[in-house]
Amino acid sequence: MSAGIVLERMLPDQAGVMPPGTGTLQKQRVYIFPTRQGITFACMLLIMLLGAINYNNSMAFVLTFFLGGLAMVCILHTYHNLAGLVLTGIAPQPVYAGETALFPVTLDNRVGYQRYAIALDQAAQRPWLKTWQRVSADTLYTDMPARHLKTVYIQVETTRRGIRPLGRLKISTCFPLGLFRAWSWLETGQTCVVYPRPDGNRPLPPATIDPLEDQKGNQIGTDDFIGFRKYRPGDSTRNIAWKALARGQGPLVKRFDGKGASKLMLGWHAAGHTQNTETRLSQLCRWVLRAEQQGIHYGLAIPGFHIEPGHGEQHKHLCLRSLAGYGLA
């Protein structure tokens, strides 16, 4: 479920509870603080004001108050460049350990003016960073045209398997003059499943034929066509009778005269005798990918998980997700 965060002022419902997967950030949660350039600019104005008072120079007063008014207008533009922006976190695609996870974040500018230099920074949530410091090198910048929808991707490096949360995002802007930075912390609730890194050089365990399925026409063979049977999860889409499905007969699978696909169970002990859990999981991950590529009906049997033999993308991700979550609370 995606998580949406709205940078606008909204009234809560009567129960005071937001729907699951959503969050609202009121305008009071958009903060503004001077940047280093803003602090330097304020010191310059103070010196100019002292000089104007000391010399009683009217032109110096005019210039000082003009620049001060410009700074006040800059505060409003910096604030409105961020407030009212709608962000929605989308579930990312799973990755393998060591790869870069891409967290999609959709930005929705529903107002009639363009927003410039919107910065999204996941690494800036370190508590020792000061709010007036520059954003990190990993900061993602984007402009938002008026009434426009855009999806950006936050890149996060992964080093180990499991569930990798995106964590808090810092959205900020220094537009238009860089004197002030408006920012806010956003919690999208996005998580990415990180599969074990496929590794290992052990061959696949020997496949077996299920005696209950080794009957004429019950499996998907390679000989003469003899009829149809109902679709079962894991069946290859190449053998689905698409014409029968178009006629409204439901999903049917073609049957042939001959033995069907081999089946095997990928067991914990077959992955090796090493005590290193991650090594075994990496080997099992490679076996799952190899069995899927070869069209073998495979299952998974590890402590705490038992998955019956199957085939297909959904079955593959189910096995890999079980490997990713093994031993994790």
C-alpha atoms as a PDB file:
ATOM      1  CA  MET A   1       0.000   0.000   0.000  1.00  0.00           C
ATOM      2  CA  SER A   2       1.401   3.368  -0.919  1.00  0.00           C
ATOM      3  CA  ALA A   3       1.861   6.110   1.629  1.00  0.00           C
ATOM      4  CA  GLY A   4       0.817   9.650   0.749  1.00  0.00           C
ATOM      5  CA  ILE A   5       2.020  12.799   2.477  1.00  0.00           C
ATOM      6  CA  VAL A   6       0.424  16.150   1.728  1.00  0.00           C
ATOM      7  CA  LEU A   7       2.228  19.408   2.416  1.00  0.00           C
ATOM      8  CA  GLU A   8      -0.898  21.435   2.961  1.00  0.00           C
ATOM      9  CA  ARG A   9      -3.221  22.411   5.743  1.00  0.00           C
ATOM     10  CA  MET A  10      -6.090  19.961   6.130  1.00  0.00           C
ATOM     11  CA  LEU A  11      -8.634  19.432   8.861  1.00  0.00           C
ATOM     12  CA  PRO A  12      -8.575  15.952  10.474  1.00  0.00           C
ATOM     13  CA  ASP A  13     -11.675  13.830  10.438  1.00  0.00           C
ATOM     14  CA  GLN A  14     -14.013  13.708  13.422  1.00  0.00           C
ATOM     15  CA  ALA A  15     -12.281  10.641  14.842  1.00  0.00           C
ATOM     16  CA  GLY A  16      -8.891  12.324  14.524  1.00  0.00           C
ATOM     17  CA  VAL A  17      -7.430   9.255  12.804  1.00  0.00           C
ATOM     18  CA  MET A  18      -5.971   9.271   9.310  1.00  0.00           C
ATOM     19  CA  PRO A  19      -6.570   6.346   6.927  1.00  0.00           C
ATOM     20  CA  PRO A  20      -3.861   3.659   6.907  1.00  0.00           C
ATOM     21  CA  GLY A  21      -0.909   4.405   4.651  1.00  0.00           C
ATOM     22  CA  THR A  22      -1.531   8.163   4.533  1.00  0.00           C
ATOM     23  CA  GLY A  23      -0.182  11.114   6.433  1.00  0.00           C
ATOM     24  CA  THR A  24      -0.850  14.829   6.503  1.00  0.00           C
ATOM     25  CA  LEU A  25       1.724  17.518   7.094  1.00  0.00           C
ATOM     26  CA  GLN A  26       0.160  20.837   7.977  1.00  0.00           C
ATOM     27  CA  LYS A  27       1.662  24.143   6.949  1.00  0.00           C
ATOM     28  CA  GLN A  28       2.879  24.625  10.500  1.00  0.00           C
ATOM     29  CA  ARG A  29       5.199  21.652   9.921  1.00  0.00           C
ATOM     30  CA  VAL A  30       7.065  23.399   7.089  1.00  0.00           C
ATOM     31  CA  TYR A  31      10.022  25.065   8.784  1.00  0.00           C
ATOM     32  CA  ILE A  32      12.217  27.932   7.580  1.00  0.00           C
ATOM     33  CA  PHE A  33      15.694  28.870   8.734  1.00  0.00           C
ATOM     34  CA  PRO A  34      18.356  31.152   7.248  1.00  0.00           C
ATOM     35  CA  THR A  35      21.135  29.550   5.273  1.00  0.00           C
ATOM     36  CA  ARG A  36      24.756  30.546   5.648  1.00  0.00           C
ATOM     37  CA  GLN A  37      24.241  33.066   2.896  1.00  0.00           C
ATOM     38  CA  GLY A  38      21.152  34.352   4.710  1.00  0.00           C
ATOM     39  CA  ILE A  39      23.052  34.850   7.963  1.00  0.00           C
ATOM     40  CA  THR A  40      25.814  36.675   6.080  1.00  0.00           C
ATOM     41  CA  PHE A  41      23.172  38.818   4.361  1.00  0.00           C
ATOM     42  CA  ALA A  42      21.578  39.694   7.725  1.00  0.00           C
ATOM     43  CA  CYS A  43      24.970  40.718   9.162  1.00  0.00           C
ATOM     44  CA  MET A  44      25.588  42.895   6.107  1.00  0.00           C
ATOM     45  CA  LEU A  45      22.212  44.613   6.580  1.00  0.00           C
ATOM     46  CA  LEU A  46      23.010  45.281  10.240  1.00  0.00           C
ATOM     47  CA  ILE A  47      26.328  46.884   9.326  1.00  0.00           C
ATOM     48  CA  MET A  48      24.625  48.974   6.640  1.00  0.00           C
ATOM     49  CA  LEU A  49      21.970  50.098   9.135  1.00  0.00           C
ATOM     50  CA  LEU A  50      24.606  51.129  11.690  1.00  0.00           C
ATOM     51  CA  GLY A  51      26.460  53.064   9.000  1.00  0.00           C
ATOM     52  CA  ALA A  52      23.276  54.816   7.866  1.00  0.00           C
ATOM     53  CA  ILE A  53      22.456  55.801  11.453  1.00  0.00           C
ATOM     54  CA  ASN A  54      26.005  56.974  12.137  1.00  0.00           C
ATOM     55  CA  TYR A  55      26.228  59.157   9.029  1.00  0.00           C
ATOM     56  CA  ASN A  56      22.503  59.990   8.884  1.00  0.00           C
ATOM     57  CA  ASN A  57      22.535  59.132   5.168  1.00  0.00           C
ATOM     58  CA  SER A  58      19.054  58.856   3.672  1.00  0.00           C
ATOM     59  CA  MET A  59      20.204  56.868   0.607  1.00  0.00           C
ATOM     60  CA  ALA A  60      21.858  54.308   2.893  1.00  0.00           C
ATOM     61  CA  PHE A  61      18.572  53.984   4.791  1.00  0.00           C
ATOM     62  CA  VAL A  62      16.690  53.465   1.517  1.00  0.00           C
ATOM     63  CA  LEU A  63      19.093  50.761   0.323  1.00  0.00           C
ATOM     64  CA  THR A  64      19.078  48.987   3.696  1.00  0.00           C
ATOM     65  CA  PHE A  65      15.288  48.935   3.987  1.00  0.00           C
ATOM     66  CA  PHE A  66      14.940  47.893   0.341  1.00  0.00           C
ATOM     67  CA  LEU A  67      17.223  44.907   0.840  1.00  0.00           C
ATOM     68  CA  GLY A  68      15.466  44.062   4.120  1.00  0.00           C
ATOM     69  CA  GLY A  69      12.082  44.099   2.379  1.00  0.00           C
ATOM     70  CA  LEU A  70      13.520  41.883  -0.360  1.00  0.00           C
ATOM     71  CA  ALA A  71      14.548  39.369   2.289  1.00  0.00           C
ATOM     72  CA  MET A  72      11.026  39.380   3.785  1.00  0.00           C
ATOM     73  CA  VAL A  73       9.495  38.708   0.364  1.00  0.00           C
ATOM     74  CA  CYS A  74      12.045  35.933  -0.141  1.00  0.00           C
ATOM     75  CA  ILE A  75      10.740  34.201   3.000  1.00  0.00           C
ATOM     76  CA  LEU A  76       7.225  34.023   1.558  1.00  0.00           C
ATOM     77  CA  HIS A  77       8.387  32.709  -1.821  1.00  0.00           C
ATOM     78  CA  THR A  78      10.592  30.063  -0.199  1.00  0.00           C
ATOM     79  CA  TYR A  79       7.722  28.921   1.995  1.00  0.00           C
ATOM     80  CA  HIS A  80       5.139  28.742  -0.807  1.00  0.00           C
ATOM     81  CA  ASN A  81       7.614  26.892  -3.035  1.00  0.00           C
ATOM     82  CA  LEU A  82       7.228  23.894  -0.704  1.00  0.00           C
ATOM     83  CA  ALA A  83       3.818  24.151   0.993  1.00  0.00           C
ATOM     84  CA  GLY A  84       0.972  22.409  -0.801  1.00  0.00           C
ATOM     85  CA  LEU A  85       3.137  19.800  -2.551  1.00  0.00           C
ATOM     86  CA  VAL A  86       1.725  16.262  -2.441  1.00  0.00           C
ATOM     87  CA  LEU A  87       4.090  13.289  -2.145  1.00  0.00           C
ATOM     88  CA  THR A  88       3.189   9.614  -2.525  1.00  0.00           C
ATOM     89  CA  GLY A  89       5.549   6.730  -1.835  1.00  0.00           C
ATOM     90  CA  ILE A  90       5.228   3.731  -4.198  1.00  0.00           C
ATOM     91  CA  ALA A  91       6.381   0.209  -3.353  1.00  0.00           C
ATOM     92  CA  PRO A  92       9.811  -0.398  -4.950  1.00  0.00           C
ATOM     93  CA  GLN A  93      10.888  -3.462  -6.902  1.00  0.00           C
ATOM     94  CA  PRO A  94      12.848  -6.108  -4.943  1.00  0.00           C
ATOM     95  CA  VAL A  95      16.614  -6.205  -5.414  1.00  0.00           C
ATOM     96  CA  TYR A  96      19.467  -8.540  -4.512  1.00  0.00           C
ATOM     97  CA  ALA A  97      21.929  -7.750  -1.743  1.00  0.00           C
ATOM     98  CA  GLY A  98      24.623  -5.424  -3.031  1.00  0.00           C
ATOM     99  CA  GLU A  99      22.389  -3.778  -5.627  1.00  0.00           C
ATOM    100  CA  THR A 100      20.900  -0.290  -5.513  1.00  0.00           C
ATOM    101  CA  ALA A 101      17.269  -0.070  -4.419  1.00  0.00           C
ATOM    102  CA  LEU A 102      15.136   2.503  -6.239  1.00  0.00           C
ATOM    103  CA  PHE A 103      12.328   3.981  -4.125  1.00  0.00           C
ATOM    104  CA  PRO A 104       9.743   5.730  -6.356  1.00  0.00           C
ATOM    105  CA  VAL A 105       8.265   8.920  -4.945  1.00  0.00           C
ATOM    106  CA  THR A 106       5.496  10.703  -6.857  1.00  0.00           C
ATOM    107  CA  LEU A 107       5.323  14.496  -6.568  1.00  0.00           C
ATOM    108  CA  ASP A 108       2.021  16.158  -7.376  1.00  0.00           C
ATOM    109  CA  ASN A 109       1.949  19.921  -7.847  1.00  0.00           C
ATOM    110  CA  ARG A 110      -1.738  20.798  -7.737  1.00  0.00           C
ATOM    111  CA  VAL A 111      -1.364  24.583  -7.711  1.00  0.00           C
ATOM    112  CA  GLY A 112      -1.228  26.929 -10.666  1.00  0.00           C
ATOM    113  CA  TYR A 113       2.385  28.048 -10.292  1.00  0.00           C
ATOM    114  CA  GLN A 114       5.680  26.275 -10.916  1.00  0.00           C
ATOM    115  CA  ARG A 115       7.972  25.116  -8.141  1.00  0.00           C
ATOM    116  CA  TYR A 116      11.736  25.241  -8.539  1.00  0.00           C
ATOM    117  CA  ALA A 117      14.722  23.439  -6.988  1.00  0.00           C
ATOM    118  CA  ILE A 118      12.828  20.951  -4.816  1.00  0.00           C
ATOM    119  CA  ALA A 119      15.406  18.810  -2.998  1.00  0.00           C
ATOM    120  CA  LEU A 120      14.788  15.276  -1.695  1.00  0.00           C
ATOM    121  CA  ASP A 121      17.468  13.966   0.622  1.00  0.00           C
ATOM    122  CA  GLN A 122      17.343  10.573   2.330  1.00  0.00           C
ATOM    123  CA  ALA A 123      20.880  10.734   3.726  1.00  0.00           C
ATOM    124  CA  ALA A 124      20.286  14.096   5.442  1.00  0.00           C
ATOM    125  CA  GLN A 125      18.378  12.513   8.328  1.00  0.00           C
ATOM    126  CA  ARG A 126      21.601  12.179  10.320  1.00  0.00           C
ATOM    127  CA  PRO A 127      20.864  14.033  13.573  1.00  0.00           C
ATOM    128  CA  TRP A 128      24.235  15.731  13.810  1.00  0.00           C
ATOM    129  CA  LEU A 129      23.673  17.684  10.593  1.00  0.00           C
ATOM    130  CA  LYS A 130      22.616  21.265  11.205  1.00  0.00           C
ATOM    131  CA  THR A 131      19.578  22.609   9.422  1.00  0.00           C
ATOM    132  CA  TRP A 132      21.574  25.425   7.887  1.00  0.00           C
ATOM    133  CA  GLN A 133      24.203  23.112   6.405  1.00  0.00           C
ATOM    134  CA  ARG A 134      24.188  22.276   2.739  1.00  0.00           C
ATOM    135  CA  VAL A 135      22.403  19.135   1.646  1.00  0.00           C
ATOM    136  CA  SER A 136      24.459  16.017   0.931  1.00  0.00           C
ATOM    137  CA  ALA A 137      25.928  14.920  -2.379  1.00  0.00           C
ATOM    138  CA  ASP A 138      23.132  12.333  -2.764  1.00  0.00           C
ATOM    139  CA  THR A 139      20.425  14.988  -2.832  1.00  0.00           C
ATOM    140  CA  LEU A 140      17.961  14.728  -5.717  1.00  0.00           C
ATOM    141  CA  TYR A 141      16.783  18.012  -7.244  1.00  0.00           C
ATOM    142  CA  THR A 142      13.720  18.488  -9.410  1.00  0.00           C
ATOM    143  CA  ASP A 143      11.448  21.235 -10.723  1.00  0.00           C
ATOM    144  CA  MET A 144       7.677  20.882 -10.728  1.00  0.00           C
ATOM    145  CA  PRO A 145       5.619  22.553 -13.479  1.00  0.00           C
ATOM    146  CA  ALA A 146       2.189  23.868 -12.560  1.00  0.00           C
ATOM    147  CA  ARG A 147      -0.501  21.165 -12.188  1.00  0.00           C
ATOM    148  CA  HIS A 148       1.987  18.459 -13.038  1.00  0.00           C
ATOM    149  CA  LEU A 149       2.715  14.956 -11.742  1.00  0.00           C
ATOM    150  CA  LYS A 150       6.253  13.566 -11.632  1.00  0.00           C
ATOM    151  CA  THR A 151       7.894  10.423 -10.263  1.00  0.00           C
ATOM    152  CA  VAL A 152      11.456  10.537  -8.955  1.00  0.00           C
ATOM    153  CA  TYR A 153      13.595   7.688  -7.631  1.00  0.00           C
ATOM    154  CA  ILE A 154      15.544   7.759  -4.391  1.00  0.00           C
ATOM    155  CA  GLN A 155      18.630   5.543  -4.674  1.00  0.00           C
ATOM    156  CA  VAL A 156      19.611   3.544  -1.587  1.00  0.00           C
ATOM    157  CA  GLU A 157      22.544   1.138  -1.474  1.00  0.00           C
ATOM    158  CA  THR A 158      21.875  -2.298   0.024  1.00  0.00           C
ATOM    159  CA  THR A 159      24.491  -4.454   1.729  1.00  0.00           C
ATOM    160  CA  ARG A 160      22.491  -7.272   3.295  1.00  0.00           C
ATOM    161  CA  ARG A 161      19.270  -9.179   2.760  1.00  0.00           C
ATOM    162  CA  GLY A 162      16.019  -8.426   4.546  1.00  0.00           C
ATOM    163  CA  ILE A 163      13.558  -5.555   4.552  1.00  0.00           C
ATOM    164  CA  ARG A 164      15.204  -2.220   3.800  1.00  0.00           C
ATOM    165  CA  PRO A 165      13.076   0.764   4.874  1.00  0.00           C
ATOM    166  CA  LEU A 166      13.559   4.070   3.155  1.00  0.00           C
ATOM    167  CA  GLY A 167      13.278   5.936   6.433  1.00  0.00           C
ATOM    168  CA  ARG A 168      12.617   9.627   6.694  1.00  0.00           C
ATOM    169  CA  LEU A 169      12.968  11.927   3.731  1.00  0.00           C
ATOM    170  CA  LYS A 170      13.997  15.528   4.018  1.00  0.00           C
ATOM    171  CA  ILE A 171      12.292  17.709   1.426  1.00  0.00           C
ATOM    172  CA  SER A 172      13.659  21.219   1.208  1.00  0.00           C
ATOM    173  CA  THR A 173      14.069  24.242  -1.036  1.00  0.00           C
ATOM    174  CA  CYS A 174      16.186  27.409  -1.088  1.00  0.00           C
ATOM    175  CA  PHE A 175      14.378  29.090  -3.960  1.00  0.00           C
ATOM    176  CA  PRO A 176      14.516  31.910  -4.988  1.00  0.00           C
ATOM    177  CA  LEU A 177      17.652  33.605  -3.607  1.00  0.00           C
ATOM    178  CA  GLY A 178      19.170  30.958  -1.366  1.00  0.00           C
ATOM    179  CA  LEU A 179      18.855  33.145   1.734  1.00  0.00           C
ATOM    180  CA  PHE A 180      16.411  30.796   3.495  1.00  0.00           C
ATOM    181  CA  ARG A 181      15.796  27.075   3.464  1.00  0.00           C
ATOM    182  CA  ALA A 182      12.293  25.674   3.953  1.00  0.00           C
ATOM    183  CA  TRP A 183      12.247  22.012   4.885  1.00  0.00           C
ATOM    184  CA  SER A 184      10.247  19.243   6.478  1.00  0.00           C
ATOM    185  CA  TRP A 185      10.730  15.596   7.442  1.00  0.00           C
ATOM    186  CA  LEU A 186       8.508  13.076   5.669  1.00  0.00           C
ATOM    187  CA  GLU A 187       7.840   9.437   6.599  1.00  0.00           C
ATOM    188  CA  THR A 188       6.618   7.550   3.514  1.00  0.00           C
ATOM    189  CA  GLY A 189       6.656   4.077   5.104  1.00  0.00           C
ATOM    190  CA  GLN A 190       8.278   2.537   2.010  1.00  0.00           C
ATOM    191  CA  THR A 191      10.194  -0.720   2.356  1.00  0.00           C
ATOM    192  CA  CYS A 192      12.172  -2.718  -0.192  1.00  0.00           C
ATOM    193  CA  VAL A 193      12.633  -6.489  -0.069  1.00  0.00           C
ATOM    194  CA  VAL A 194      16.317  -7.337  -0.453  1.00  0.00           C
ATOM    195  CA  TYR A 195      16.917 -10.901  -1.615  1.00  0.00           C
ATOM    196  CA  PRO A 196      20.104 -12.783  -0.743  1.00  0.00           C
ATOM    197  CA  ARG A 197      22.929 -12.344  -3.215  1.00  0.00           C
ATOM    198  CA  PRO A 198      22.844 -15.322  -5.645  1.00  0.00           C
ATOM    199  CA  ASP A 199      26.122 -17.169  -5.183  1.00  0.00           C
ATOM    200  CA  GLY A 200      27.542 -20.662  -4.931  1.00  0.00           C
ATOM    201  CA  ASN A 201      28.803 -23.285  -7.388  1.00  0.00           C
ATOM    202  CA  ARG A 202      26.991 -26.398  -6.219  1.00  0.00           C
ATOM    203  CA  PRO A 203      24.894 -28.162  -8.905  1.00  0.00           C
ATOM    204  CA  LEU A 204      21.139 -28.431  -8.637  1.00  0.00           C
ATOM    205  CA  PRO A 205      19.865 -31.396  -6.586  1.00  0.00           C
ATOM    206  CA  PRO A 206      18.457 -34.255  -8.691  1.00  0.00           C
ATOM    207  CA  ALA A 207      14.871 -33.686  -9.805  1.00  0.00           C
ATOM    208  CA  THR A 208      12.156 -36.286  -9.283  1.00  0.00           C
ATOM    209  CA  ILE A 209       8.799 -37.065 -10.862  1.00  0.00           C
ATOM    210  CA  ASP A 210       5.817 -37.045  -8.508  1.00  0.00           C
ATOM    211  CA  PRO A 211       4.173 -40.508  -8.824  1.00  0.00           C
ATOM    212  CA  LEU A 212       0.724 -38.953  -8.374  1.00  0.00           C
ATOM    213  CA  GLU A 213       1.386 -36.661 -11.291  1.00  0.00           C
ATOM    214  CA  ASP A 214       3.202 -39.176 -13.482  1.00  0.00           C
ATOM    215  CA  GLN A 215       0.043 -40.175 -15.278  1.00  0.00           C
ATOM    216  CA  LYS A 216      -0.835 -39.836 -18.890  1.00  0.00           C
ATOM    217  CA  GLY A 217      -1.927 -36.326 -19.668  1.00  0.00           C
ATOM    218  CA  ASN A 218      -1.829 -35.010 -16.099  1.00  0.00           C
ATOM    219  CA  GLN A 219       1.322 -32.996 -16.628  1.00  0.00           C
ATOM    220  CA  ILE A 220       2.637 -30.742 -19.334  1.00  0.00           C
ATOM    221  CA  GLY A 221       4.638 -32.973 -21.611  1.00  0.00           C
ATOM    222  CA  THR A 222       6.158 -32.566 -25.037  1.00  0.00           C
ATOM    223  CA  ASP A 223       4.441 -35.272 -27.138  1.00  0.00           C
ATOM    224  CA  ASP A 224       0.981 -35.426 -28.751  1.00  0.00           C
ATOM    225  CA  PHE A 225      -1.745 -33.053 -27.614  1.00  0.00           C
ATOM    226  CA  ILE A 226      -4.532 -34.926 -25.788  1.00  0.00           C
ATOM    227  CA  GLY A 227      -6.732 -32.249 -24.223  1.00  0.00           C
ATOM    228  CA  PHE A 228      -7.004 -29.576 -21.554  1.00  0.00           C
ATOM    229  CA  ARG A 229      -7.011 -29.338 -17.797  1.00  0.00           C
ATOM    230  CA  LYS A 230      -7.709 -26.459 -15.400  1.00  0.00           C
ATOM    231  CA  TYR A 231      -4.976 -23.966 -14.743  1.00  0.00           C
ATOM    232  CA  ARG A 232      -2.978 -24.412 -11.541  1.00  0.00           C
ATOM    233  CA  PRO A 233      -0.689 -21.800  -9.961  1.00  0.00           C
ATOM    234  CA  GLY A 234       2.823 -22.255 -11.272  1.00  0.00           C
ATOM    235  CA  ASP A 235       1.857 -23.465 -14.754  1.00  0.00           C
ATOM    236  CA  SER A 236       3.797 -21.860 -17.578  1.00  0.00           C
ATOM    237  CA  THR A 237       1.893 -19.206 -19.482  1.00  0.00           C
ATOM    238  CA  ARG A 238       3.218 -20.689 -22.733  1.00  0.00           C
ATOM    239  CA  ASN A 239       0.872 -23.662 -22.299  1.00  0.00           C
ATOM    240  CA  ILE A 240      -2.295 -21.713 -21.506  1.00  0.00           C
ATOM    241  CA  ALA A 241      -5.092 -22.120 -24.065  1.00  0.00           C
ATOM    242  CA  TRP A 242      -5.628 -18.455 -24.827  1.00  0.00           C
ATOM    243  CA  LYS A 243      -8.360 -19.100 -27.399  1.00  0.00           C
ATOM    244  CA  ALA A 244     -10.394 -21.028 -24.842  1.00  0.00           C
ATOM    245  CA  LEU A 245      -9.893 -18.185 -22.366  1.00  0.00           C
ATOM    246  CA  ALA A 246     -11.146 -15.692 -24.950  1.00  0.00           C
ATOM    247  CA  ARG A 247     -14.287 -17.804 -25.440  1.00  0.00           C
ATOM    248  CA  GLY A 248     -15.040 -17.496 -21.724  1.00  0.00           C
ATOM    249  CA  GLN A 249     -14.122 -21.081 -20.788  1.00  0.00           C
ATOM    250  CA  GLY A 250     -11.731 -19.969 -18.083  1.00  0.00           C
ATOM    251  CA  PRO A 251      -7.986 -20.542 -17.841  1.00  0.00           C
ATOM    252  CA  LEU A 252      -7.137 -23.960 -19.300  1.00  0.00           C
ATOM    253  CA  VAL A 253      -3.758 -25.600 -19.818  1.00  0.00           C
ATOM    254  CA  LYS A 254      -2.909 -27.846 -22.755  1.00  0.00           C
ATOM    255  CA  ARG A 255      -2.125 -31.493 -21.910  1.00  0.00           C
ATOM    256  CA  PHE A 256       0.220 -33.712 -23.862  1.00  0.00           C
ATOM    257  CA  ASP A 257       0.979 -37.402 -23.943  1.00  0.00           C
ATOM    258  CA  GLY A 258       4.241 -37.786 -22.046  1.00  0.00           C
ATOM    259  CA  LYS A 259       5.888 -37.069 -18.758  1.00  0.00           C
ATOM    260  CA  GLY A 260       5.614 -33.586 -17.429  1.00  0.00           C
ATOM    261  CA  ALA A 261       8.181 -31.227 -16.028  1.00  0.00           C
ATOM    262  CA  SER A 262      10.525 -32.511 -13.368  1.00  0.00           C
ATOM    263  CA  LYS A 263      10.074 -31.381  -9.798  1.00  0.00           C
ATOM    264  CA  LEU A 264      12.631 -30.897  -7.078  1.00  0.00           C
ATOM    265  CA  MET A 265      12.784 -29.671  -3.497  1.00  0.00           C
ATOM    266  CA  LEU A 266      15.509 -27.230  -2.619  1.00  0.00           C
ATOM    267  CA  GLY A 267      16.433 -28.223   0.902  1.00  0.00           C
ATOM    268  CA  TRP A 268      18.485 -26.550   3.599  1.00  0.00           C
ATOM    269  CA  HIS A 269      20.985 -29.380   4.020  1.00  0.00           C
ATOM    270  CA  ALA A 270      21.472 -29.819   0.285  1.00  0.00           C
ATOM    271  CA  ALA A 271      22.837 -26.261   0.084  1.00  0.00           C
ATOM    272  CA  GLY A 272      26.028 -27.293   1.873  1.00  0.00           C
ATOM    273  CA  HIS A 273      27.433 -28.376   5.197  1.00  0.00           C
ATOM    274  CA  THR A 274      28.788 -24.970   6.133  1.00  0.00           C
ATOM    275  CA  GLN A 275      27.523 -23.287   9.284  1.00  0.00           C
ATOM    276  CA  ASN A 276      27.391 -19.917   7.519  1.00  0.00           C
ATOM    277  CA  THR A 277      23.715 -19.105   7.081  1.00  0.00           C
ATOM    278  CA  GLU A 278      24.275 -16.430   4.448  1.00  0.00           C
ATOM    279  CA  THR A 279      26.322 -18.833   2.311  1.00  0.00           C
ATOM    280  CA  ARG A 280      23.495 -21.354   2.305  1.00  0.00           C
ATOM    281  CA  LEU A 281      20.908 -18.711   1.512  1.00  0.00           C
ATOM    282  CA  SER A 282      23.005 -17.425  -1.388  1.00  0.00           C
ATOM    283  CA  GLN A 283      23.270 -20.952  -2.779  1.00  0.00           C
ATOM    284  CA  LEU A 284      19.532 -21.513  -2.446  1.00  0.00           C
ATOM    285  CA  CYS A 285      18.893 -18.189  -4.153  1.00  0.00           C
ATOM    286  CA  ARG A 286      21.033 -19.239  -7.110  1.00  0.00           C
ATOM    287  CA  TRP A 287      19.233 -22.574  -7.290  1.00  0.00           C
ATOM    288  CA  VAL A 288      15.840 -20.868  -7.353  1.00  0.00           C
ATOM    289  CA  LEU A 289      16.907 -18.658 -10.252  1.00  0.00           C
ATOM    290  CA  ARG A 290      18.454 -21.575 -12.137  1.00  0.00           C
ATOM    291  CA  ALA A 291      15.418 -23.839 -11.651  1.00  0.00           C
ATOM    292  CA  GLU A 292      13.104 -21.056 -12.813  1.00  0.00           C
ATOM    293  CA  GLN A 293      15.239 -20.478 -15.889  1.00  0.00           C
ATOM    294  CA  GLN A 294      15.257 -24.198 -16.773  1.00  0.00           C
ATOM    295  CA  GLY A 295      11.481 -24.533 -16.372  1.00  0.00           C
ATOM    296  CA  ILE A 296      11.669 -26.994 -13.456  1.00  0.00           C
ATOM    297  CA  HIS A 297       8.859 -27.169 -10.924  1.00  0.00           C
ATOM    298  CA  TYR A 298      10.663 -26.554  -7.645  1.00  0.00           C
ATOM    299  CA  GLY A 299       9.811 -26.126  -4.004  1.00  0.00           C
ATOM    300  CA  LEU A 300      11.654 -24.768  -0.987  1.00  0.00           C
ATOM    301  CA  ALA A 301      12.198 -26.470   2.356  1.00  0.00           C
ATOM    302  CA  ILE A 302      14.142 -24.472   4.935  1.00  0.00           C
ATOM    303  CA  PRO A 303      13.627 -24.204   8.701  1.00  0.00           C
ATOM    304  CA  GLY A 304      10.401 -22.284   9.233  1.00  0.00           C
ATOM    305  CA  PHE A 305       9.342 -22.306   5.567  1.00  0.00           C
ATOM    306  CA  HIS A 306       7.941 -25.030   3.331  1.00  0.00           C
ATOM    307  CA  ILE A 307       6.770 -24.102  -0.145  1.00  0.00           C
ATOM    308  CA  GLU A 308       5.253 -26.723  -2.420  1.00  0.00           C
ATOM    309  CA  PRO A 309       6.726 -27.147  -5.917  1.00  0.00           C
ATOM    310  CA  GLY A 310       5.589 -24.633  -8.460  1.00  0.00           C
ATOM    311  CA  HIS A 311       6.789 -22.430 -11.280  1.00  0.00           C
ATOM    312  CA  GLY A 312       6.422 -18.877 -12.536  1.00  0.00           C
ATOM    313  CA  GLU A 313       7.346 -15.350 -11.473  1.00  0.00           C
ATOM    314  CA  GLN A 314       4.965 -15.303  -8.511  1.00  0.00           C
ATOM    315  CA  HIS A 315       6.337 -18.588  -7.191  1.00  0.00           C
ATOM    316  CA  LYS A 316       9.917 -17.418  -7.680  1.00  0.00           C
ATOM    317  CA  HIS A 317       9.374 -14.218  -5.712  1.00  0.00           C
ATOM    318  CA  LEU A 318       7.606 -16.171  -2.968  1.00  0.00           C
ATOM    319  CA  CYS A 319      10.660 -18.398  -2.563  1.00  0.00           C
ATOM    320  CA  LEU A 320      13.109 -15.495  -2.715  1.00  0.00           C
ATOM    321  CA  ARG A 321      11.095 -13.495  -0.194  1.00  0.00           C
ATOM    322  CA  SER A 322      11.179 -16.481   2.171  1.00  0.00           C
ATOM    323  CA  LEU A 323      14.959 -16.570   1.822  1.00  0.00           C
ATOM    324  CA  ALA A 324      15.179 -12.837   2.427  1.00  0.00           C
ATOM    325  CA  GLY A 325      13.183 -13.060   5.662  1.00  0.00           C
ATOM    326  CA  TYR A 326      14.839 -16.202   7.050  1.00  0.00           C
ATOM    327  CA  GLY A 327      15.961 -15.727  10.646  1.00  0.00           C
ATOM    328  CA  LEU A 328      14.808 -12.116  10.812  1.00  0.00           C
ATOM    329  CA  ALA A 329      12.360 -10.919  13.422  1.00  0.00           C
END
